[in-house]
Amino acid sequence: MTVASSELGSPPARSGAEPWSSPGTGSRARRGILLVHGFTGSPVSLRPIAEMLARRGFAVEVPVLPGHGTTWRKMLPTRYDDWREGAYRAAVSLRARVDHLVLVGLSMGGTLSLDVATGTDLKVDGIVTINAQILDREGIVVKLGPLIEKILPLVPASLAGLTVNDIAKPGVAEEAYPWVPTAAGNSLLRALPRVRSQLGRVPCPVLVMFSRNDHSVSPRNSEALLTLIKGSRVEKVVLERSYHVATLDYDQELIEERVTAFADAV
């Protein structure tokens, strides 16, 4: 296994937040899995699952989205289109060396995975979303978002409706940014209606996984995905023991097993 050099985003601020890569081995070497982290997060949230998938032989890539994995200051000038381009470039690079490609996205990473699969020319064989954001967010702060971003360049994550380190398992930390750049966050919200409009043309099977107790992204988002996706096989897995960052929580092993089975099947 190798750690990839940083081509996407800024140099990581600490060990564990850097991009990560494994070339694949054995019978699964030509099955690629791209794992995409969430808003204000980094590969820290996906590294354990990435390493497990690599040990099982899959070719694995975990990119750092632009402005992530460092400090919130690096995120200030970035927008949703930058993150989408980062995910797309990483997927294209992995697609070039595998026969089958599965996109796995946590939170906004799930949104990006759906967007890349439905809004670009990339051939994707399967998508796994984990607590993905797809519905418009609610609340007075969201409604005042366009005004707030002109006055305040950033707000505490809690004010943006995000629970920092939303993990039920004690002693585990995702280490996402505690501050949210307002213009960057609003760019994600503005992209959601377009992404929803594309869900009628999802080209491949989808595995929708979500936590019943999520304090950052309502489970209603994943329930909506089950009805919005048309023309493709959709599977549902409810994560009963985890909060938002389920990939580091009590259901981590369940996620690992279901992603493995799904990637083998497609």
Protein backbone atom coordinates (compact mmCIF):
# COMPACT_ATOMS: atom_id res chain seq x y z
CA MET A 1 0.00 0.00 0.00
CA THR A 2 1.16 3.50 -0.69
CA VAL A 3 0.25 6.99 0.40
CA ALA A 4 -0.48 9.17 -2.60
CA SER A 5 1.05 12.58 -3.11
CA SER A 6 -1.38 15.47 -2.78
CA GLU A 7 -2.80 16.53 -6.13
CA LEU A 8 -6.15 17.72 -4.86
CA GLY A 9 -6.66 20.42 -2.26
CA SER A 10 -4.00 21.84 0.03
CA PRO A 11 -1.17 20.01 1.81
CA PRO A 12 -2.59 18.32 4.89
CA ALA A 13 -2.06 19.91 8.28
CA ARG A 14 -1.41 16.63 10.05
CA SER A 15 -0.85 12.93 9.53
CA GLY A 16 -4.01 11.06 8.60
CA ALA A 17 -5.62 13.89 6.63
CA GLU A 18 -3.56 13.31 3.50
CA PRO A 19 -4.84 11.58 0.33
CA TRP A 20 -4.45 7.81 0.49
CA SER A 21 -4.11 5.18 -2.20
CA SER A 22 -3.69 1.44 -2.69
CA PRO A 23 -3.08 -0.20 -6.10
CA GLY A 24 -5.17 -3.35 -5.58
CA THR A 25 -4.07 -6.98 -5.45
CA GLY A 26 -5.25 -10.41 -6.52
CA SER A 27 -8.64 -11.08 -8.06
CA ARG A 28 -10.02 -7.70 -6.94
CA ALA A 29 -7.15 -5.61 -8.28
CA ARG A 30 -9.25 -4.35 -11.20
CA ARG A 31 -12.16 -3.35 -8.95
CA GLY A 32 -11.74 0.27 -7.91
CA ILE A 33 -13.35 2.06 -4.98
CA LEU A 34 -13.19 5.84 -4.59
CA LEU A 35 -14.05 7.10 -1.11
CA VAL A 36 -15.12 10.75 -0.82
CA HIS A 37 -15.20 12.52 2.54
CA GLY A 38 -17.70 15.10 3.73
CA PHE A 39 -18.01 18.86 4.15
CA THR A 40 -15.21 20.31 6.35
CA GLY A 41 -13.88 16.78 6.85
CA SER A 42 -10.92 14.83 5.47
CA PRO A 43 -9.75 11.26 4.73
CA VAL A 44 -9.53 10.76 8.51
CA SER A 45 -13.22 9.78 8.43
CA LEU A 46 -12.64 7.11 5.78
CA ARG A 47 -9.11 5.84 6.38
CA PRO A 48 -10.00 2.72 8.44
CA ILE A 49 -12.50 1.52 5.84
CA ALA A 50 -10.11 2.38 3.01
CA GLU A 51 -7.36 0.28 4.58
CA MET A 52 -9.74 -2.64 5.12
CA LEU A 53 -10.88 -2.54 1.49
CA ALA A 54 -7.25 -2.42 0.38
CA ARG A 55 -6.42 -5.47 2.49
CA ARG A 56 -9.23 -7.28 0.68
CA GLY A 57 -7.58 -6.50 -2.64
CA PHE A 58 -9.57 -3.57 -4.01
CA ALA A 59 -7.84 -0.68 -5.74
CA VAL A 60 -8.63 2.25 -3.42
CA GLU A 61 -8.34 6.02 -3.66
CA VAL A 62 -9.21 8.55 -0.95
CA PRO A 63 -8.66 12.12 -2.23
CA VAL A 64 -8.62 15.31 -0.19
CA LEU A 65 -11.18 17.77 -1.53
CA PRO A 66 -9.87 21.30 -2.17
CA GLY A 67 -9.67 23.39 0.99
CA HIS A 68 -10.12 20.38 3.28
CA GLY A 69 -7.71 18.46 5.50
CA THR A 70 -5.84 21.59 6.58
CA THR A 71 -7.50 24.54 8.32
CA TRP A 72 -10.76 26.37 7.73
CA ARG A 73 -8.76 29.30 6.31
CA LYS A 74 -7.81 27.16 3.30
CA MET A 75 -11.49 26.44 2.69
CA LEU A 76 -12.60 30.08 2.53
CA PRO A 77 -12.07 30.59 -1.24
CA THR A 78 -13.34 27.14 -2.30
CA ARG A 79 -16.82 26.29 -3.54
CA TYR A 80 -18.93 23.24 -4.37
CA ASP A 81 -17.73 23.23 -8.00
CA ASP A 82 -14.14 22.91 -6.75
CA TRP A 83 -15.03 19.90 -4.61
CA ARG A 84 -17.00 18.34 -7.45
CA GLU A 85 -14.05 18.78 -9.79
CA GLY A 86 -11.73 17.26 -7.20
CA ALA A 87 -13.93 14.18 -6.81
CA TYR A 88 -14.35 13.88 -10.57
CA ARG A 89 -10.61 14.08 -11.29
CA ALA A 90 -9.87 11.43 -8.67
CA ALA A 91 -12.58 9.17 -10.12
CA VAL A 92 -11.29 9.59 -13.68
CA SER A 93 -7.77 8.72 -12.54
CA LEU A 94 -8.94 5.56 -10.79
CA ARG A 95 -11.28 4.59 -13.65
CA ALA A 96 -8.31 4.56 -16.03
CA ARG A 97 -6.73 1.61 -14.20
CA VAL A 98 -9.71 -0.55 -13.23
CA ASP A 99 -12.52 -2.43 -14.94
CA HIS A 100 -15.21 -1.62 -12.37
CA LEU A 101 -15.59 1.61 -10.39
CA VAL A 102 -17.65 2.16 -7.24
CA LEU A 103 -18.04 5.57 -5.61
CA VAL A 104 -18.49 5.63 -1.83
CA GLY A 105 -19.38 8.97 -0.26
CA LEU A 106 -19.88 10.07 3.35
CA SER A 107 -22.24 13.02 3.92
CA MET A 108 -21.43 15.61 1.22
CA GLY A 109 -19.19 12.95 -0.28
CA GLY A 110 -22.38 11.03 -1.05
CA THR A 111 -23.85 14.11 -2.71
CA LEU A 112 -20.71 14.50 -4.80
CA SER A 113 -20.71 10.82 -5.75
CA LEU A 114 -24.28 11.06 -7.03
CA ASP A 115 -23.46 14.29 -8.86
CA VAL A 116 -20.35 12.89 -10.56
CA ALA A 117 -22.20 9.71 -11.59
CA THR A 118 -25.20 11.55 -13.05
CA GLY A 119 -23.76 14.84 -14.21
CA THR A 120 -20.57 13.83 -16.03
CA ASP A 121 -19.48 11.39 -18.71
CA LEU A 122 -17.73 9.14 -16.19
CA LYS A 123 -18.73 5.47 -16.29
CA VAL A 124 -19.66 4.37 -12.77
CA ASP A 125 -20.69 0.82 -11.87
CA GLY A 126 -22.05 1.44 -8.38
CA ILE A 127 -22.62 4.14 -5.76
CA VAL A 128 -22.71 3.89 -1.98
CA THR A 129 -24.05 6.87 -0.03
CA ILE A 130 -23.61 7.13 3.74
CA ASN A 131 -25.71 9.83 5.42
CA ALA A 132 -25.74 11.88 2.23
CA GLN A 133 -27.19 15.40 2.06
CA ILE A 134 -29.73 15.71 -0.77
CA LEU A 135 -32.65 17.75 0.58
CA ASP A 136 -32.63 21.50 1.19
CA ARG A 137 -31.58 22.30 4.74
CA GLU A 138 -34.06 24.05 6.99
CA GLY A 139 -33.88 26.76 9.64
CA ILE A 140 -33.55 30.50 9.95
CA VAL A 141 -29.76 30.45 9.45
CA VAL A 142 -30.21 28.73 6.09
CA LYS A 143 -32.84 31.23 5.02
CA LEU A 144 -30.57 34.11 6.00
CA GLY A 145 -27.55 32.41 4.43
CA PRO A 146 -27.11 34.78 1.44
CA LEU A 147 -27.13 37.75 3.82
CA ILE A 148 -24.91 36.13 6.43
CA GLU A 149 -22.18 35.28 3.93
CA LYS A 150 -21.90 38.98 3.03
CA ILE A 151 -21.39 39.91 6.68
CA LEU A 152 -19.64 36.94 8.29
CA PRO A 153 -16.99 34.93 6.45
CA LEU A 154 -17.49 31.98 8.80
CA VAL A 155 -19.74 30.73 11.59
CA PRO A 156 -19.43 28.00 14.24
CA ALA A 157 -20.36 24.58 12.90
CA SER A 158 -23.18 24.35 15.45
CA LEU A 159 -24.78 27.51 14.08
CA ALA A 160 -24.70 25.93 10.61
CA GLY A 161 -26.63 22.95 11.97
CA LEU A 162 -23.65 20.62 12.12
CA THR A 163 -22.66 18.60 15.18
CA VAL A 164 -18.89 18.54 15.56
CA ASN A 165 -17.59 14.99 15.91
CA ASP A 166 -21.04 13.41 15.60
CA ILE A 167 -19.94 9.93 16.69
CA ALA A 168 -21.61 7.71 19.29
CA LYS A 169 -18.46 5.71 20.01
CA PRO A 170 -16.39 7.37 22.75
CA GLY A 171 -12.77 8.30 22.22
CA VAL A 172 -13.03 8.63 18.43
CA ALA A 173 -12.57 11.93 16.59
CA GLU A 174 -13.24 12.90 12.98
CA GLU A 175 -11.46 16.24 13.50
CA ALA A 176 -13.53 18.21 10.99
CA TYR A 177 -13.33 21.99 11.06
CA PRO A 178 -15.16 23.59 14.02
CA TRP A 179 -15.86 26.64 11.84
CA VAL A 180 -17.84 26.73 8.58
CA PRO A 181 -16.95 29.21 5.81
CA THR A 182 -20.35 30.68 4.97
CA ALA A 183 -19.93 31.26 1.24
CA ALA A 184 -18.50 27.77 0.79
CA GLY A 185 -21.38 26.21 2.74
CA ASN A 186 -23.97 28.16 0.78
CA SER A 187 -22.45 26.92 -2.47
CA LEU A 188 -23.30 23.36 -1.41
CA LEU A 189 -26.88 24.32 -0.60
CA ARG A 190 -27.29 26.00 -3.98
CA ALA A 191 -26.13 22.84 -5.76
CA LEU A 192 -28.64 20.50 -4.09
CA PRO A 193 -31.67 21.22 -6.34
CA ARG A 194 -29.59 20.48 -9.44
CA VAL A 195 -28.26 17.23 -8.00
CA ARG A 196 -31.79 16.14 -7.06
CA SER A 197 -32.96 16.85 -10.60
CA GLN A 198 -30.37 14.42 -11.93
CA LEU A 199 -31.40 11.46 -9.76
CA GLY A 200 -33.85 10.19 -12.33
CA ARG A 201 -30.92 9.15 -14.49
CA VAL A 202 -28.67 7.33 -12.03
CA PRO A 203 -26.85 4.84 -14.30
CA CYS A 204 -26.01 2.08 -11.83
CA PRO A 205 -27.05 0.27 -8.63
CA VAL A 206 -27.04 2.35 -5.45
CA LEU A 207 -26.58 1.31 -1.83
CA VAL A 208 -28.13 3.89 0.51
CA MET A 209 -26.83 3.63 4.08
CA PHE A 210 -27.94 5.96 6.84
CA SER A 211 -27.91 6.36 10.60
CA ARG A 212 -31.25 6.44 12.33
CA ASN A 213 -29.75 8.88 14.87
CA ASP A 214 -27.91 11.53 12.87
CA HIS A 215 -27.48 14.98 14.40
CA SER A 216 -26.01 16.64 11.30
CA VAL A 217 -27.94 15.28 8.29
CA SER A 218 -31.51 14.15 8.83
CA PRO A 219 -32.30 10.53 7.86
CA ARG A 220 -35.08 12.02 5.72
CA ASN A 221 -32.38 12.75 3.13
CA SER A 222 -31.61 9.08 2.61
CA GLU A 223 -35.28 8.12 2.74
CA ALA A 224 -35.87 10.66 -0.05
CA LEU A 225 -33.07 9.12 -2.10
CA LEU A 226 -34.89 5.80 -2.09
CA THR A 227 -37.79 7.39 -3.96
CA LEU A 228 -35.93 9.97 -6.06
CA ILE A 229 -33.60 7.47 -7.72
CA LYS A 230 -35.33 6.01 -10.77
CA GLY A 231 -34.43 3.20 -13.13
CA SER A 232 -31.69 1.66 -10.99
CA ARG A 233 -31.57 -0.99 -8.29
CA VAL A 234 -31.51 0.64 -4.84
CA GLU A 235 -30.63 -1.10 -1.59
CA LYS A 236 -31.19 0.30 1.89
CA VAL A 237 -29.19 -0.31 5.06
CA VAL A 238 -30.14 1.40 8.33
CA LEU A 239 -27.26 1.94 10.75
CA GLU A 240 -28.84 1.54 14.16
CA ARG A 241 -25.83 2.15 16.43
CA SER A 242 -24.05 5.09 14.83
CA TYR A 243 -24.38 8.85 14.49
CA HIS A 244 -23.42 10.92 11.44
CA VAL A 245 -19.79 9.84 10.99
CA ALA A 246 -20.81 6.19 10.84
CA THR A 247 -17.57 5.16 9.16
CA LEU A 248 -15.77 5.72 12.49
CA ASP A 249 -18.62 4.53 14.68
CA TYR A 250 -20.12 1.30 16.02
CA ASP A 251 -21.42 0.24 12.60
CA GLN A 252 -18.02 0.47 10.90
CA GLU A 253 -17.70 -3.29 10.44
CA LEU A 254 -21.23 -3.53 9.02
CA ILE A 255 -20.38 -0.79 6.52
CA GLU A 256 -17.18 -2.59 5.56
CA GLU A 257 -19.02 -5.85 4.91
CA ARG A 258 -21.85 -4.28 2.94
CA VAL A 259 -19.53 -2.16 0.80
CA THR A 260 -17.40 -5.23 0.06
CA ALA A 261 -20.42 -7.30 -0.98
CA PHE A 262 -21.82 -4.46 -3.07
CA ALA A 263 -18.52 -3.81 -4.86
CA ASP A 264 -18.17 -7.52 -5.63
CA ALA A 265 -21.72 -7.73 -6.96
CA VAL A 266 -21.49 -4.82 -9.39
